[in-house]
C-alpha atoms as a PDB file:
ATOM      1  CA  MET A   1     -36.546 -52.774 -93.896  1.00  0.00           C
ATOM      2  CA  ARG A   2     -35.078 -53.852 -96.662  1.00  0.00           C
ATOM      3  CA  ALA A   3     -34.225 -50.795 -97.709  1.00  0.00           C
ATOM      4  CA  ARG A   4     -31.893 -49.998 -94.402  1.00  0.00           C
ATOM      5  CA  THR A   5     -30.577 -53.454 -95.312  1.00  0.00           C
ATOM      6  CA  ALA A   6     -29.155 -52.699 -98.357  1.00  0.00           C
ATOM      7  CA  THR A   7     -28.035 -49.021 -97.502  1.00  0.00           C
ATOM      8  CA  ILE A   8     -26.242 -50.919 -94.699  1.00  0.00           C
ATOM      9  CA  LEU A   9     -24.476 -53.516 -96.725  1.00  0.00           C
ATOM     10  CA  LEU A  10     -23.353 -51.070 -99.275  1.00  0.00           C
ATOM     11  CA  SER A  11     -22.106 -48.359 -96.214  1.00  0.00           C
ATOM     12  CA  ILE A  12     -20.401 -51.335 -94.442  1.00  0.00           C
ATOM     13  CA  ALA A  13     -18.124 -52.418 -97.664  1.00  0.00           C
ATOM     14  CA  LEU A  14     -17.529 -48.872 -98.540  1.00  0.00           C
ATOM     15  CA  LEU A  15     -15.919 -48.939 -94.925  1.00  0.00           C
ATOM     16  CA  THR A  16     -14.622 -52.611 -94.904  1.00  0.00           C
ATOM     17  CA  GLY A  17     -13.019 -54.954 -96.818  1.00  0.00           C
ATOM     18  CA  CYS A  18     -15.860 -56.544 -97.813  1.00  0.00           C
ATOM     19  CA  VAL A  19     -17.260 -56.708-101.477  1.00  0.00           C
ATOM     20  CA  PRO A  20     -20.793 -57.417-102.327  1.00  0.00           C
ATOM     21  CA  THR A  21     -21.309 -59.502-105.647  1.00  0.00           C
ATOM     22  CA  GLN A  22     -22.220 -57.236-108.902  1.00  0.00           C
ATOM     23  CA  GLN A  23     -26.003 -58.515-108.234  1.00  0.00           C
ATOM     24  CA  ASP A  24     -25.669 -56.855-104.491  1.00  0.00           C
ATOM     25  CA  TYR A  25     -23.919 -53.878-106.305  1.00  0.00           C
ATOM     26  CA  ASP A  26     -26.824 -53.291-108.784  1.00  0.00           C
ATOM     27  CA  ALA A  27     -29.554 -53.639-105.901  1.00  0.00           C
ATOM     28  CA  THR A  28     -27.946 -51.384-103.984  1.00  0.00           C
ATOM     29  CA  VAL A  29     -27.293 -48.768-106.771  1.00  0.00           C
ATOM     30  CA  THR A  30     -31.543 -49.183-107.590  1.00  0.00           C
ATOM     31  CA  LEU A  31     -32.242 -48.428-104.469  1.00  0.00           C
ATOM     32  CA  LEU A  32     -30.008 -45.241-104.106  1.00  0.00           C
ATOM     33  CA  GLN A  33     -31.272 -44.117-107.466  1.00  0.00           C
ATOM     34  CA  GLY A  34     -34.876 -43.779-106.032  1.00  0.00           C
ATOM     35  CA  SER A  35     -34.379 -43.033-102.211  1.00  0.00           C
ATOM     36  CA  ALA A  36     -33.190 -39.568-101.278  1.00  0.00           C
ATOM     37  CA  ARG A  37     -33.151 -41.256 -97.538  1.00  0.00           C
ATOM     38  CA  ALA A  38     -31.001 -43.833 -98.858  1.00  0.00           C
ATOM     39  CA  ARG A  39     -28.414 -41.289-100.279  1.00  0.00           C
ATOM     40  CA  ASN A  40     -28.112 -39.427 -96.950  1.00  0.00           C
ATOM     41  CA  GLU A  41     -27.406 -42.715 -94.532  1.00  0.00           C
ATOM     42  CA  VAL A  42     -24.923 -43.553 -96.819  1.00  0.00           C
ATOM     43  CA  ILE A  43     -23.313 -40.431 -97.337  1.00  0.00           C
ATOM     44  CA  LYS A  44     -23.825 -40.244 -93.590  1.00  0.00           C
ATOM     45  CA  ASP A  45     -22.350 -43.448 -92.663  1.00  0.00           C
ATOM     46  CA  CYS A  46     -19.779 -42.915 -95.554  1.00  0.00           C
ATOM     47  CA  SER A  47     -18.184 -39.732 -94.062  1.00  0.00           C
ATOM     48  CA  LYS A  48     -17.459 -41.452 -90.613  1.00  0.00           C
ATOM     49  CA  GLY A  49     -15.210 -43.872 -92.211  1.00  0.00           C
ATOM     50  CA  PHE A  50     -12.238 -41.717 -92.809  1.00  0.00           C
ATOM     51  CA  ASP A  51      -9.399 -41.258 -90.522  1.00  0.00           C
ATOM     52  CA  ALA A  52      -7.185 -38.408 -90.018  1.00  0.00           C
ATOM     53  CA  ASN A  53      -4.886 -39.133 -92.969  1.00  0.00           C
ATOM     54  CA  GLY A  54      -8.062 -40.228 -95.267  1.00  0.00           C
ATOM     55  CA  ARG A  55      -9.111 -36.813 -94.207  1.00  0.00           C
ATOM     56  CA  ARG A  56      -6.266 -34.825 -95.535  1.00  0.00           C
ATOM     57  CA  VAL A  57      -5.673 -37.086 -98.452  1.00  0.00           C
ATOM     58  CA  ALA A  58      -9.631 -36.869 -99.496  1.00  0.00           C
ATOM     59  CA  GLY A  59      -9.226 -32.980 -98.841  1.00  0.00           C
ATOM     60  CA  ILE A  60      -6.352 -32.620-101.621  1.00  0.00           C
ATOM     61  CA  VAL A  61      -8.172 -34.994-104.090  1.00  0.00           C
ATOM     62  CA  THR A  62     -11.558 -33.258-103.708  1.00  0.00           C
ATOM     63  CA  ASN A  63      -9.681 -29.708-103.392  1.00  0.00           C
ATOM     64  CA  VAL A  64     -12.012 -28.753-100.061  1.00  0.00           C
ATOM     65  CA  SER A  65     -11.117 -28.619 -96.267  1.00  0.00           C
ATOM     66  CA  ASP A  66      -9.923 -31.693 -94.751  1.00  0.00           C
ATOM     67  CA  LYS A  67     -13.262 -31.218 -92.558  1.00  0.00           C
ATOM     68  CA  ASP A  68     -15.462 -30.865 -95.165  1.00  0.00           C
ATOM     69  CA  ALA A  69     -13.355 -33.719 -97.534  1.00  0.00           C
ATOM     70  CA  PRO A  70     -15.015 -37.044 -96.540  1.00  0.00           C
ATOM     71  CA  ARG A  71     -18.589 -35.330 -96.635  1.00  0.00           C
ATOM     72  CA  VAL A  72     -17.949 -34.130-100.421  1.00  0.00           C
ATOM     73  CA  ALA A  73     -16.062 -37.231-101.176  1.00  0.00           C
ATOM     74  CA  CYS A  74     -19.068 -39.304-100.069  1.00  0.00           C
ATOM     75  CA  GLN A  75     -21.417 -36.926-101.940  1.00  0.00           C
ATOM     76  CA  ARG A  76     -19.429 -36.807-105.455  1.00  0.00           C
ATOM     77  CA  TYR A  77     -19.055 -40.687-105.445  1.00  0.00           C
ATOM     78  CA  LEU A  78     -22.195 -41.384-104.454  1.00  0.00           C
ATOM     79  CA  ALA A  79     -23.486 -39.115-107.348  1.00  0.00           C
ATOM     80  CA  ALA A  80     -21.195 -41.041-109.930  1.00  0.00           C
ATOM     81  CA  ILE A  81     -23.160 -44.258-108.733  1.00  0.00           C
ATOM     82  CA  THR A  82     -26.360 -42.965-109.093  1.00  0.00           C
ATOM     83  CA  SER A  83     -25.873 -41.312-112.685  1.00  0.00           C
ATOM     84  CA  GLY A  84     -24.205 -44.214-113.924  1.00  0.00           C
ATOM     85  CA  ARG A  85     -20.998 -42.662-114.306  1.00  0.00           C
ATOM     86  CA  ALA A  86     -19.102 -45.097-111.884  1.00  0.00           C
ATOM     87  CA  ASN A  87     -19.918 -48.650-112.313  1.00  0.00           C
ATOM     88  CA  TYR A  88     -19.264 -52.580-110.025  1.00  0.00           C
ATOM     89  CA  GLN A  89     -15.634 -52.055-111.491  1.00  0.00           C
ATOM     90  CA  ASP A  90     -15.126 -48.888-110.165  1.00  0.00           C
ATOM     91  CA  PHE A  91     -16.070 -50.214-106.703  1.00  0.00           C
ATOM     92  CA  LEU A  92     -13.868 -53.013-107.018  1.00  0.00           C
ATOM     93  CA  ASP A  93     -11.130 -50.346-107.794  1.00  0.00           C
ATOM     94  CA  ILE A  94     -11.440 -48.299-104.756  1.00  0.00           C
ATOM     95  CA  LYS A  95     -11.608 -51.608-102.181  1.00  0.00           C
ATOM     96  CA  ALA A  96      -8.096 -52.757-103.642  1.00  0.00           C
ATOM     97  CA  HIS A  97      -6.542 -48.553-103.657  1.00  0.00           C
ATOM     98  CA  ARG A  98      -6.510 -48.738-107.265  1.00  0.00           C
ATOM     99  CA  PHE A  99      -6.961 -44.873-107.932  1.00  0.00           C
ATOM    100  CA  THR A 100      -7.758 -44.724-111.621  1.00  0.00           C
ATOM    101  CA  PRO A 101      -8.085 -41.376-113.615  1.00  0.00           C
ATOM    102  CA  LYS A 102     -11.586 -41.958-113.690  1.00  0.00           C
ATOM    103  CA  LEU A 103     -12.019 -42.227-110.282  1.00  0.00           C
ATOM    104  CA  ILE A 104      -9.918 -39.228-109.849  1.00  0.00           C
ATOM    105  CA  LYS A 105     -11.740 -37.317-111.945  1.00  0.00           C
ATOM    106  CA  ILE A 106     -15.063 -38.171-110.052  1.00  0.00           C
ATOM    107  CA  PHE A 107     -13.757 -37.424-106.991  1.00  0.00           C
ATOM    108  CA  GLN A 108     -12.595 -33.735-108.187  1.00  0.00           C
ATOM    109  CA  GLY A 109     -16.101 -33.085-109.492  1.00  0.00           C
ATOM    110  CA  ARG A 110     -14.935 -33.380-113.322  1.00  0.00           C
END
């Protein structure tokens, strides 16, 4: 139950204005590193959070079709989170719509 709660917490934070604390973020990253099911749930929930404009922009940045862009963007970002390439500050930058060169590279798969 706690794993599902943490997954939901991160998914909600990714999709809304809620920002978890550094401790919550770190705990969620640890959960995601050890649970394929949690990663799949986050990708599924994250992908649902894109409107038509978001899909179009994600398609441009990820260089895939608009239809596939939400899933690909979520997968790439989640891979960066679990590998340690993306950190809490990057998460805050996304929430504030500050897309840094580092984040763009992550979404481009570089």
